[in-house]
Amino acid sequence: MAWERIGRWLRAHAPASAALLRPPAGEAAIASVEESIGWPLPPALRAWYQLSDGINDPDGAASRWPTAFLPGRQAWYRLDQLQDAYVMQTRDWEREPGRVPVSCVTGDIWHGLYVDARPKEPSYGAMGRWTIELEPELLAPGSAAGWPLETWLGAVADALEQGRCLVEPGGRRVEDMWPALTVCEGLTWVDPHDPRGIPEGRALLDGPR
């Protein structure tokens, strides 16, 4: 799985982010969440959690920047956080069931990413963006099938290994999602064209590593 490439890259170049990765989720834990939310996790999402059950919060006063190692400065949910976020979105926000939140913007519980768990939809297994203000939307607009999780993770791994921005399946470069290393040896993603996008101490990746 592409996640293994990402994990190797984090251990080699962003150890503060790698240190937050949790052990694999057990079958019983995954099955319990599936029963709670009422949807089986798509195979690629299940496989992702079988490799690591999201990330831990940093200890004490440690920087939160290393948690933002997924594109869009996203922090990957533990299974219990996934379950809580799903219940909140479908019950309190009255969102349509079947879109499973997998991350949120670091330090912000109102924006994040989801995986479509509705097997009858063309976008089954694809990544999307959720927010409290708007209805969920697929990450690769214009495609009914969206951006499948495994393909998205592969694109993330490519961006890290090649030291460049994220590239969509159709070839469009996502220039506002560029990997950068922090002074605390974590990975984050920035917009290099925004003067506020690279706070002091963030080093933009500019080639293979």
Protein backbone atom coordinates (compact mmCIF):
# COMPACT_ATOMS: atom_id res chain seq x y z
CA MET A 1 0.00 0.00 0.00
CA ALA A 2 1.16 3.55 -0.74
CA TRP A 3 0.88 4.38 2.95
CA GLU A 4 3.95 2.27 3.63
CA ARG A 5 5.97 4.57 1.32
CA ILE A 6 4.68 7.59 3.23
CA GLY A 7 5.58 5.98 6.55
CA ARG A 8 9.13 5.26 5.36
CA TRP A 9 9.53 8.84 4.15
CA LEU A 10 8.27 10.25 7.45
CA ARG A 11 10.67 8.10 9.46
CA ALA A 12 13.58 9.22 7.30
CA HIS A 13 12.80 12.94 6.95
CA ALA A 14 10.07 13.98 9.43
CA PRO A 15 10.64 11.92 12.59
CA ALA A 16 8.43 14.18 14.73
CA SER A 17 5.46 13.30 12.53
CA ALA A 18 6.46 9.63 12.30
CA ALA A 19 6.60 9.42 16.09
CA LEU A 20 2.89 10.25 16.32
CA LEU A 21 1.78 7.25 14.25
CA ARG A 22 -0.17 4.71 16.28
CA PRO A 23 0.06 0.91 16.12
CA PRO A 24 -2.24 -0.97 13.74
CA ALA A 25 -5.94 -1.12 14.58
CA GLY A 26 -7.16 -4.61 15.47
CA GLU A 27 -9.95 -6.38 13.66
CA ALA A 28 -12.25 -6.10 16.68
CA ALA A 29 -11.75 -2.32 16.89
CA ILE A 30 -12.45 -1.84 13.17
CA ALA A 31 -15.52 -4.08 13.31
CA SER A 32 -16.84 -2.18 16.33
CA VAL A 33 -16.59 1.15 14.51
CA GLU A 34 -18.24 -0.31 11.40
CA GLU A 35 -21.13 -1.56 13.52
CA SER A 36 -21.42 1.80 15.28
CA ILE A 37 -21.55 3.92 12.12
CA GLY A 38 -23.60 1.37 10.18
CA TRP A 39 -21.26 1.12 7.19
CA PRO A 40 -18.38 -1.27 6.36
CA LEU A 41 -15.20 0.67 5.69
CA PRO A 42 -14.12 0.52 2.04
CA PRO A 43 -11.25 -1.97 1.55
CA ALA A 44 -8.52 0.67 1.10
CA LEU A 45 -9.65 2.56 4.21
CA ARG A 46 -9.76 -0.66 6.20
CA ALA A 47 -6.25 -1.53 5.01
CA TRP A 48 -5.03 1.94 6.03
CA TYR A 49 -6.24 1.47 9.59
CA GLN A 50 -4.81 -2.04 9.66
CA LEU A 51 -1.40 -0.41 9.16
CA SER A 52 -1.87 2.38 11.73
CA ASP A 53 -4.78 3.58 13.87
CA GLY A 54 -4.37 7.27 13.05
CA ILE A 55 -2.08 9.45 15.12
CA ASN A 56 -1.53 10.41 18.75
CA ASP A 57 -1.77 13.97 20.01
CA PRO A 58 1.62 15.56 20.79
CA ASP A 59 2.77 15.35 24.40
CA GLY A 60 2.20 18.32 26.69
CA ALA A 61 3.32 21.61 25.20
CA ALA A 62 4.91 20.03 22.13
CA SER A 63 4.19 21.65 18.76
CA ARG A 64 1.07 20.54 16.90
CA TRP A 65 2.66 21.17 13.49
CA PRO A 66 3.87 17.54 13.12
CA THR A 67 0.23 16.37 13.22
CA ALA A 68 -0.46 18.25 9.96
CA PHE A 69 1.35 15.80 7.71
CA LEU A 70 -1.48 15.06 5.27
CA PRO A 71 -2.20 17.51 2.41
CA GLY A 72 -4.26 20.48 3.51
CA ARG A 73 -2.55 20.38 6.93
CA GLN A 74 -4.77 17.45 7.91
CA ALA A 75 -4.40 15.39 11.09
CA TRP A 76 -5.41 11.74 10.63
CA TYR A 77 -8.18 10.52 12.96
CA ARG A 78 -7.88 7.60 15.34
CA LEU A 79 -10.80 5.20 14.92
CA ASP A 80 -12.54 6.56 18.02
CA GLN A 81 -12.25 10.11 16.62
CA LEU A 82 -13.59 8.90 13.27
CA GLN A 83 -16.61 7.41 15.03
CA ASP A 84 -17.29 10.56 17.08
CA ALA A 85 -16.93 12.84 14.05
CA TYR A 86 -19.26 10.64 11.97
CA VAL A 87 -21.94 10.71 14.66
CA MET A 88 -21.64 14.48 15.00
CA GLN A 89 -21.88 15.08 11.27
CA THR A 90 -24.77 12.73 10.54
CA ARG A 91 -26.76 13.49 13.69
CA ASP A 92 -26.02 17.10 14.62
CA TRP A 93 -25.16 18.48 11.18
CA GLU A 94 -27.74 16.22 9.44
CA ARG A 95 -25.32 15.17 6.73
CA GLU A 96 -26.19 12.24 4.46
CA PRO A 97 -24.93 8.95 5.96
CA GLY A 98 -22.09 7.06 4.34
CA ARG A 99 -19.33 9.64 4.07
CA VAL A 100 -16.76 8.66 6.69
CA PRO A 101 -14.56 11.49 8.06
CA VAL A 102 -10.91 10.46 8.35
CA SER A 103 -9.14 13.71 9.28
CA CYS A 104 -9.52 17.33 10.27
CA VAL A 105 -7.41 20.44 9.77
CA THR A 106 -4.94 20.55 12.65
CA GLY A 107 -6.44 22.53 15.52
CA ASP A 108 -9.80 22.87 13.72
CA ILE A 109 -12.70 20.39 14.08
CA TRP A 110 -14.82 22.07 11.38
CA HIS A 111 -12.95 21.11 8.19
CA GLY A 112 -11.44 17.85 7.02
CA LEU A 113 -11.38 14.91 4.63
CA TYR A 114 -13.71 11.93 4.24
CA VAL A 115 -13.88 8.63 2.34
CA ASP A 116 -17.11 7.68 0.59
CA ALA A 117 -18.34 4.37 2.07
CA ARG A 118 -21.53 4.11 -0.03
CA PRO A 119 -20.95 1.05 -2.27
CA LYS A 120 -23.67 1.96 -4.79
CA GLU A 121 -22.14 5.35 -5.57
CA PRO A 122 -19.59 5.89 -8.39
CA SER A 123 -17.42 7.69 -5.81
CA TYR A 124 -17.26 4.68 -3.49
CA GLY A 125 -13.84 4.61 -1.83
CA ALA A 126 -12.94 8.12 -3.05
CA MET A 127 -11.67 11.06 -1.04
CA GLY A 128 -13.73 14.17 -0.39
CA ARG A 129 -13.69 17.38 1.63
CA TRP A 130 -16.15 18.08 4.46
CA THR A 131 -16.84 21.32 6.26
CA ILE A 132 -19.48 22.55 8.66
CA GLU A 133 -20.54 25.35 6.29
CA LEU A 134 -20.99 23.42 3.02
CA GLU A 135 -22.13 20.06 1.71
CA PRO A 136 -19.33 17.49 1.21
CA GLU A 137 -17.52 17.53 -2.15
CA LEU A 138 -15.11 15.22 -3.92
CA LEU A 139 -11.44 16.18 -4.04
CA ALA A 140 -11.12 15.83 -7.84
CA PRO A 141 -14.05 17.92 -9.15
CA GLY A 142 -15.47 16.97 -12.53
CA SER A 143 -15.03 13.23 -12.04
CA ALA A 144 -17.94 11.10 -10.84
CA ALA A 145 -15.48 8.53 -9.49
CA GLY A 146 -13.45 11.13 -7.60
CA TRP A 147 -9.96 10.43 -6.28
CA PRO A 148 -9.75 6.89 -4.80
CA LEU A 149 -8.03 6.73 -1.41
CA GLU A 150 -5.25 4.40 -2.55
CA THR A 151 -4.55 6.61 -5.57
CA TRP A 152 -4.56 9.72 -3.36
CA LEU A 153 -2.08 8.14 -0.94
CA GLY A 154 0.09 7.24 -3.92
CA ALA A 155 -0.01 10.86 -5.07
CA VAL A 156 0.99 11.99 -1.57
CA ALA A 157 3.91 9.53 -1.56
CA ASP A 158 5.00 10.76 -5.03
CA ALA A 159 4.90 14.39 -3.89
CA LEU A 160 7.06 13.62 -0.86
CA GLU A 161 9.59 11.46 -2.69
CA GLN A 162 9.89 13.92 -5.59
CA GLY A 163 9.76 17.07 -3.45
CA ARG A 164 6.91 18.78 -5.29
CA CYS A 165 3.26 19.74 -4.99
CA LEU A 166 0.37 17.26 -5.05
CA VAL A 167 -0.83 16.27 -8.54
CA GLU A 168 -4.42 15.19 -9.28
CA PRO A 169 -5.20 12.02 -11.30
CA GLY A 170 -5.83 14.12 -14.43
CA GLY A 171 -2.43 15.78 -14.12
CA ARG A 172 -3.47 19.12 -12.63
CA ARG A 173 -0.86 20.39 -10.20
CA VAL A 174 -2.31 21.44 -6.85
CA GLU A 175 0.13 24.30 -6.35
CA ASP A 176 -1.28 25.37 -2.99
CA MET A 177 -0.48 21.97 -1.47
CA TRP A 178 3.30 21.73 -1.27
CA PRO A 179 5.12 19.66 1.39
CA ALA A 180 7.39 21.48 3.81
CA LEU A 181 9.48 20.49 6.83
CA THR A 182 9.14 22.31 10.14
CA VAL A 183 11.85 23.31 12.57
CA CYS A 184 10.63 20.59 14.94
CA GLU A 185 11.27 17.89 12.27
CA GLY A 186 7.62 17.48 11.30
CA LEU A 187 5.90 17.50 7.91
CA THR A 188 3.25 20.04 6.93
CA TRP A 189 1.78 21.36 3.65
CA VAL A 190 1.83 24.99 2.57
CA ASP A 191 0.90 27.35 -0.26
CA PRO A 192 4.24 28.74 -1.48
CA HIS A 193 2.49 31.55 -3.37
CA ASP A 194 0.85 32.94 -0.24
CA PRO A 195 3.20 35.18 1.78
CA ARG A 196 1.59 33.75 4.89
CA GLY A 197 1.88 30.21 3.53
CA ILE A 198 5.41 29.50 4.73
CA PRO A 199 5.73 30.68 8.33
CA GLU A 200 9.24 31.25 9.60
CA GLY A 201 11.17 28.03 9.92
CA ARG A 202 9.23 26.01 7.30
CA ALA A 203 11.51 24.58 4.57
CA LEU A 204 9.73 23.91 1.28
CA LEU A 205 10.70 20.62 -0.40
CA ASP A 206 12.36 21.35 -3.74
CA GLY A 207 13.47 18.03 -5.14
CA PRO A 208 13.78 14.29 -4.49
CA ARG A 209 14.58 13.05 -1.00
